[in-house]
Amino acid sequence: MGANPQISAHLESGDEVVILEGEVDEVKDTSVLKLLDQAYKAKYGMAMQGPGCIYKLIARKIFAWSEQDFPTSATRWNFM
């Protein structure tokens, strides 16, 4: 992991918006990686490709809204 684990992630859509802010941490637990690989195989019919790193996002803030009824649909969650 780099010096700054802070991250912001969002959906590609501008109509249905979800933004997550938090920190990432590399998943190194082999039992968790095996479960992820099994789920990936079940969905895509093949094993995850490597080498690479898997990260988990620990969300601290989440923002969501729908463009169709913004601002009444705007929602924010804080997990501090």
Protein backbone atom coordinates (compact mmCIF):
# COMPACT_ATOMS: atom_id res chain seq x y z
CA MET A 1 0.00 0.00 0.00
CA GLY A 2 1.20 3.47 -0.72
CA ALA A 3 1.79 6.27 1.74
CA ASN A 4 -1.83 7.46 1.48
CA PRO A 5 -4.60 4.83 1.61
CA GLN A 6 -7.39 7.42 1.18
CA ILE A 7 -9.68 6.72 -1.77
CA SER A 8 -12.86 7.88 -3.42
CA ALA A 9 -14.82 5.49 -5.67
CA HIS A 10 -18.02 6.04 -7.64
CA LEU A 11 -20.33 4.55 -10.22
CA GLU A 12 -19.86 5.46 -13.85
CA SER A 13 -23.45 6.68 -14.12
CA GLY A 14 -24.36 10.32 -13.62
CA ASP A 15 -28.06 9.40 -13.32
CA GLU A 16 -27.77 7.01 -10.36
CA VAL A 17 -24.96 8.33 -8.18
CA VAL A 18 -23.12 6.46 -5.43
CA ILE A 19 -19.84 7.84 -4.06
CA LEU A 20 -17.78 6.04 -1.41
CA GLU A 21 -14.99 7.72 0.52
CA GLY A 22 -12.65 5.88 2.86
CA GLU A 23 -9.46 3.90 3.06
CA VAL A 24 -8.20 0.81 1.29
CA ASP A 25 -6.24 -2.08 2.71
CA GLU A 26 -4.69 -4.96 0.79
CA VAL A 27 -6.37 -8.35 1.30
CA LYS A 28 -3.68 -10.89 2.20
CA ASP A 29 -5.75 -13.51 4.05
CA THR A 30 -5.58 -16.60 1.80
CA SER A 31 -8.96 -17.91 3.02
CA VAL A 32 -10.63 -14.64 1.95
CA LEU A 33 -8.81 -14.71 -1.40
CA LYS A 34 -10.02 -18.29 -1.99
CA LEU A 35 -13.62 -17.24 -1.28
CA LEU A 36 -13.28 -14.33 -3.69
CA ASP A 37 -11.87 -16.66 -6.34
CA GLN A 38 -14.79 -19.09 -5.86
CA ALA A 39 -17.32 -16.27 -6.21
CA TYR A 40 -15.51 -14.99 -9.32
CA LYS A 41 -15.53 -18.49 -10.87
CA ALA A 42 -19.24 -18.87 -10.12
CA LYS A 43 -20.05 -15.57 -11.83
CA TYR A 44 -17.59 -15.53 -14.76
CA GLY A 45 -16.79 -19.22 -15.27
CA MET A 46 -13.04 -18.75 -14.81
CA ALA A 47 -10.48 -18.08 -12.10
CA MET A 48 -9.32 -14.57 -11.22
CA GLN A 49 -6.27 -13.61 -13.23
CA GLY A 50 -3.04 -12.71 -11.46
CA PRO A 51 -0.63 -11.53 -10.43
CA GLY A 52 -2.23 -8.56 -8.82
CA CYS A 53 -3.49 -7.12 -5.59
CA ILE A 54 -6.97 -7.23 -4.10
CA TYR A 55 -8.00 -4.31 -1.91
CA LYS A 56 -10.94 -3.84 0.42
CA LEU A 57 -12.54 -0.44 0.81
CA ILE A 58 -13.40 0.59 4.36
CA ALA A 59 -16.08 3.19 3.69
CA ARG A 60 -16.18 6.22 5.99
CA LYS A 61 -18.71 8.29 3.99
CA ILE A 62 -21.25 7.33 1.35
CA PHE A 63 -23.22 9.75 -0.79
CA ALA A 64 -26.08 8.70 -3.08
CA TRP A 65 -28.78 10.33 -5.16
CA SER A 66 -30.84 9.95 -8.29
CA GLU A 67 -30.51 12.65 -10.93
CA GLN A 68 -34.23 12.35 -11.70
CA ASP A 69 -35.33 13.63 -8.28
CA PHE A 70 -32.26 15.44 -6.97
CA PRO A 71 -31.99 17.09 -4.42
CA THR A 72 -34.82 15.32 -2.58
CA SER A 73 -33.14 11.92 -3.05
CA ALA A 74 -29.70 13.05 -1.82
CA THR A 75 -28.51 10.89 1.06
CA ARG A 76 -25.31 10.81 3.11
CA TRP A 77 -24.04 8.21 5.57
CA ASN A 78 -21.09 8.72 7.93
CA PHE A 79 -19.24 5.75 9.47
CA MET A 80 -16.63 7.45 11.61
